[in-house]
Structures are given as C-alpha cells and as structure tokens.
C-alpha cells in the first residue's frame, strides 16, 4: 500500500469541536481511524470563523462517507417518524 493512500483526507467540516467529535466517534466505532483538527480556532469570532475538520486515511475516505450518508439517512427517517 502506498503512502498516498494513507494521506489524511477531510471528510467533513463542522462549526464546533463537539459536532466533529460526534462524527469522529461514529467512525471509530465503525473501525475507521479518524481525527479532529481545528478545534482551537473554531470558537473564535473573526471575519473568517474556523471550522473543525474530521480526517480519515485516504484509503478509508469512501467507506467513511458511506457511513456518514447512512447515518444522515437514518436521522432523516427518524425526523419523519417523529412528525407523524
């Protein structure tokens, strides 16, 4: 496996470290190593507010995106059920 496949890839950007950590925890539970970066700058008020990024190894990015899409679909279905 080449090192290019191990280069970290951003799979999501979130306004708070808490939100990014929830995503990271979901991915870790699914066996995908991930990390949260940018938490120190996300809370600052500036002209360009920082975002917190979730990174995964490049060779696991597609798998991570599928997990996140599935999670979003499940949350959307729950929202519809609760509206009835």
N, C-alpha and C. Protein backbone atom coordinates (compact mmCIF):
# COMPACT_ATOMS: atom_id res chain seq x y z
N UNK A 1 0.85 -1.18 0.00
CA UNK A 1 0.00 0.00 0.00
C UNK A 1 0.89 1.23 0.00
N UNK A 2 0.62 2.13 -0.91
CA UNK A 2 1.45 3.32 -0.97
C UNK A 2 1.07 4.31 0.11
N UNK A 3 2.01 5.20 0.41
CA UNK A 3 1.75 6.20 1.45
C UNK A 3 0.69 7.18 1.01
N UNK A 4 0.47 7.32 -0.31
CA UNK A 4 -0.56 8.23 -0.81
C UNK A 4 -1.93 7.83 -0.28
N UNK A 5 -2.18 6.54 -0.16
CA UNK A 5 -3.46 6.06 0.34
C UNK A 5 -3.62 6.35 1.83
N UNK A 6 -2.52 6.60 2.52
CA UNK A 6 -2.58 6.87 3.94
C UNK A 6 -2.67 8.36 4.26
N UNK A 7 -2.50 9.21 3.25
CA UNK A 7 -2.59 10.65 3.48
C UNK A 7 -3.98 10.98 4.02
N UNK A 8 -4.06 11.81 5.07
CA UNK A 8 -5.37 12.16 5.62
C UNK A 8 -6.23 12.93 4.62
N UNK A 9 -7.52 12.63 4.64
CA UNK A 9 -8.49 13.27 3.78
C UNK A 9 -9.57 13.88 4.66
N UNK A 10 -9.96 15.11 4.38
CA UNK A 10 -11.05 15.76 5.11
C UNK A 10 -12.37 15.18 4.60
N UNK A 11 -13.17 14.63 5.51
CA UNK A 11 -14.48 14.11 5.08
C UNK A 11 -15.63 14.94 5.61
N UNK A 12 -15.32 15.94 6.44
CA UNK A 12 -16.37 16.81 6.93
C UNK A 12 -15.80 18.01 7.67
N UNK A 13 -16.56 19.11 7.62
CA UNK A 13 -16.21 20.33 8.35
C UNK A 13 -17.41 20.73 9.19
N UNK A 14 -17.17 21.06 10.45
CA UNK A 14 -18.24 21.34 11.41
C UNK A 14 -17.93 22.61 12.18
N UNK A 15 -18.98 23.33 12.60
CA UNK A 15 -18.75 24.60 13.29
C UNK A 15 -18.23 24.46 14.71
N UNK A 16 -18.42 23.28 15.33
CA UNK A 16 -17.94 23.10 16.70
C UNK A 16 -17.16 21.81 16.84
N UNK A 17 -16.28 21.80 17.82
CA UNK A 17 -15.49 20.60 18.10
C UNK A 17 -16.40 19.47 18.59
N UNK A 18 -17.47 19.82 19.30
CA UNK A 18 -18.41 18.81 19.79
C UNK A 18 -19.04 18.04 18.62
N UNK A 19 -19.53 18.76 17.61
CA UNK A 19 -20.14 18.10 16.46
C UNK A 19 -19.13 17.21 15.73
N UNK A 20 -17.93 17.73 15.53
CA UNK A 20 -16.90 16.95 14.86
C UNK A 20 -16.54 15.71 15.66
N UNK A 21 -16.51 15.83 16.98
CA UNK A 21 -16.18 14.69 17.84
C UNK A 21 -17.24 13.61 17.77
N UNK A 22 -18.50 14.00 17.63
CA UNK A 22 -19.57 13.01 17.47
C UNK A 22 -19.36 12.20 16.20
N UNK A 23 -18.99 12.87 15.11
CA UNK A 23 -18.73 12.18 13.85
C UNK A 23 -17.51 11.28 13.98
N UNK A 24 -16.45 11.79 14.59
CA UNK A 24 -15.25 11.00 14.79
C UNK A 24 -15.57 9.74 15.58
N UNK A 25 -16.35 9.88 16.65
CA UNK A 25 -16.69 8.72 17.47
C UNK A 25 -17.48 7.69 16.68
N UNK A 26 -18.40 8.14 15.85
CA UNK A 26 -19.16 7.23 15.00
C UNK A 26 -18.23 6.43 14.09
N UNK A 27 -17.28 7.13 13.47
CA UNK A 27 -16.35 6.46 12.55
C UNK A 27 -15.45 5.48 13.29
N UNK A 28 -14.96 5.87 14.46
CA UNK A 28 -14.10 4.98 15.24
C UNK A 28 -14.87 3.72 15.64
N UNK A 29 -16.14 3.88 16.03
CA UNK A 29 -16.96 2.72 16.37
C UNK A 29 -17.12 1.77 15.18
N UNK A 30 -17.05 2.31 13.96
CA UNK A 30 -17.15 1.51 12.75
C UNK A 30 -15.78 0.99 12.29
N UNK A 31 -14.74 1.27 13.07
CA UNK A 31 -13.41 0.76 12.76
C UNK A 31 -12.59 1.62 11.84
N UNK A 32 -12.99 2.87 11.64
CA UNK A 32 -12.24 3.77 10.77
C UNK A 32 -11.46 4.75 11.62
N UNK A 33 -10.14 4.70 11.56
CA UNK A 33 -9.35 5.66 12.32
C UNK A 33 -9.66 7.07 11.83
N UNK A 34 -9.82 7.99 12.75
CA UNK A 34 -10.13 9.36 12.36
C UNK A 34 -9.61 10.31 13.43
N UNK A 35 -9.51 11.57 13.03
CA UNK A 35 -9.05 12.59 13.97
C UNK A 35 -9.78 13.89 13.71
N UNK A 36 -9.83 14.71 14.75
CA UNK A 36 -10.47 16.02 14.70
C UNK A 36 -9.37 17.07 14.76
N UNK A 37 -9.39 18.02 13.83
CA UNK A 37 -8.40 19.09 13.83
C UNK A 37 -9.09 20.43 13.69
N UNK A 38 -8.51 21.45 14.30
CA UNK A 38 -9.03 22.81 14.18
C UNK A 38 -9.90 23.25 15.32
N UNK A 39 -10.00 22.45 16.37
CA UNK A 39 -10.86 22.80 17.48
C UNK A 39 -10.45 24.08 18.19
N UNK A 40 -9.19 24.39 18.19
CA UNK A 40 -8.71 25.58 18.90
C UNK A 40 -9.17 26.86 18.23
N UNK A 41 -9.41 26.83 16.92
CA UNK A 41 -9.79 28.05 16.21
C UNK A 41 -11.29 28.16 15.96
N UNK A 42 -12.03 27.09 16.14
CA UNK A 42 -13.45 27.10 15.76
C UNK A 42 -14.28 28.06 16.59
N UNK A 43 -13.95 28.25 17.85
CA UNK A 43 -14.76 29.08 18.70
C UNK A 43 -14.49 30.56 18.62
N UNK A 44 -13.44 30.96 17.94
CA UNK A 44 -13.10 32.37 17.84
C UNK A 44 -14.06 33.12 16.93
N UNK A 45 -14.38 34.35 17.31
CA UNK A 45 -15.19 35.21 16.45
C UNK A 45 -14.23 36.04 15.63
N UNK A 46 -14.27 35.84 14.36
CA UNK A 46 -13.39 36.58 13.45
C UNK A 46 -14.11 36.73 12.12
N UNK A 47 -13.49 37.45 11.22
CA UNK A 47 -14.11 37.61 9.91
C UNK A 47 -14.24 36.28 9.19
N UNK A 48 -13.31 35.39 9.42
CA UNK A 48 -13.39 34.06 8.83
C UNK A 48 -13.34 33.04 9.95
N UNK A 49 -14.51 32.67 10.50
CA UNK A 49 -14.51 31.72 11.61
C UNK A 49 -13.93 30.38 11.19
N UNK A 50 -13.25 29.74 12.13
CA UNK A 50 -12.65 28.45 11.84
C UNK A 50 -13.68 27.34 11.86
N UNK A 51 -13.38 26.29 11.15
CA UNK A 51 -14.21 25.10 11.15
C UNK A 51 -13.36 23.96 11.67
N UNK A 52 -14.02 23.01 12.29
CA UNK A 52 -13.33 21.83 12.80
C UNK A 52 -13.48 20.75 11.74
N UNK A 53 -12.36 20.13 11.38
CA UNK A 53 -12.37 19.12 10.32
C UNK A 53 -12.22 17.72 10.91
N UNK A 54 -12.86 16.77 10.25
CA UNK A 54 -12.68 15.36 10.58
C UNK A 54 -11.89 14.75 9.44
N UNK A 55 -10.78 14.10 9.79
CA UNK A 55 -9.89 13.50 8.80
C UNK A 55 -9.85 11.98 8.97
N UNK A 56 -9.73 11.29 7.85
CA UNK A 56 -9.55 9.84 7.85
C UNK A 56 -8.45 9.50 6.86
N UNK A 57 -7.84 8.31 6.97
CA UNK A 57 -6.86 7.91 5.96
C UNK A 57 -7.51 7.87 4.58
N UNK A 58 -6.76 8.29 3.56
CA UNK A 58 -7.30 8.37 2.21
C UNK A 58 -7.94 7.10 1.71
N UNK A 59 -7.36 5.95 2.07
CA UNK A 59 -7.91 4.69 1.58
C UNK A 59 -9.19 4.27 2.32
N UNK A 60 -9.60 5.02 3.33
CA UNK A 60 -10.84 4.73 4.06
C UNK A 60 -11.89 5.82 3.87
N UNK A 61 -11.57 6.86 3.06
CA UNK A 61 -12.46 8.01 2.91
C UNK A 61 -13.82 7.63 2.33
N UNK A 62 -13.84 6.81 1.29
CA UNK A 62 -15.11 6.42 0.67
C UNK A 62 -15.98 5.65 1.65
N UNK A 63 -15.38 4.75 2.38
CA UNK A 63 -16.10 3.98 3.40
C UNK A 63 -16.68 4.92 4.47
N UNK A 64 -15.88 5.89 4.90
CA UNK A 64 -16.34 6.85 5.91
C UNK A 64 -17.50 7.68 5.38
N UNK A 65 -17.42 8.11 4.13
CA UNK A 65 -18.52 8.90 3.54
C UNK A 65 -19.81 8.09 3.48
N UNK A 66 -19.70 6.81 3.14
CA UNK A 66 -20.88 5.95 3.09
C UNK A 66 -21.52 5.80 4.47
N UNK A 67 -20.69 5.66 5.49
CA UNK A 67 -21.21 5.56 6.85
C UNK A 67 -21.93 6.85 7.24
N UNK A 68 -21.35 7.99 6.91
CA UNK A 68 -21.97 9.27 7.24
C UNK A 68 -23.28 9.47 6.47
N UNK A 69 -23.31 9.06 5.21
CA UNK A 69 -24.55 9.15 4.43
C UNK A 69 -25.64 8.27 5.03
N UNK A 70 -25.27 7.06 5.41
CA UNK A 70 -26.23 6.15 6.03
C UNK A 70 -26.76 6.73 7.33
N UNK A 71 -25.87 7.32 8.12
CA UNK A 71 -26.27 7.94 9.39
C UNK A 71 -27.25 9.09 9.14
N UNK A 72 -26.96 9.91 8.14
CA UNK A 72 -27.85 11.04 7.81
C UNK A 72 -29.21 10.53 7.36
N UNK A 73 -29.22 9.46 6.55
CA UNK A 73 -30.49 8.88 6.08
C UNK A 73 -31.31 8.37 7.26
N UNK A 74 -30.64 7.73 8.22
CA UNK A 74 -31.34 7.22 9.39
C UNK A 74 -31.91 8.36 10.22
N UNK A 75 -31.17 9.44 10.38
CA UNK A 75 -31.64 10.60 11.13
C UNK A 75 -32.82 11.25 10.42
N UNK A 76 -32.77 11.35 9.08
CA UNK A 76 -33.88 11.91 8.32
C UNK A 76 -35.13 11.06 8.50
N UNK A 77 -34.99 9.74 8.48
CA UNK A 77 -36.12 8.84 8.65
C UNK A 77 -36.70 9.00 10.07
N UNK A 78 -35.86 9.16 11.06
CA UNK A 78 -36.34 9.39 12.43
C UNK A 78 -37.12 10.68 12.53
N UNK A 79 -36.63 11.72 11.86
CA UNK A 79 -37.33 13.01 11.87
C UNK A 79 -38.72 12.89 11.27
N UNK A 80 -38.85 12.15 10.19
CA UNK A 80 -40.14 11.96 9.54
C UNK A 80 -41.07 11.18 10.47
N UNK A 81 -40.58 10.13 11.12
CA UNK A 81 -41.39 9.33 12.04
C UNK A 81 -41.91 10.17 13.19
N UNK A 82 -41.09 11.07 13.70
CA UNK A 82 -41.47 11.88 14.85
C UNK A 82 -42.47 12.99 14.47
N UNK A 83 -42.59 13.30 13.19
CA UNK A 83 -43.52 14.30 12.75
C UNK A 83 -44.94 13.73 12.64
N UNK A 84 -45.05 12.44 12.49
CA UNK A 84 -46.38 11.80 12.34
C UNK A 84 -47.15 11.79 13.62
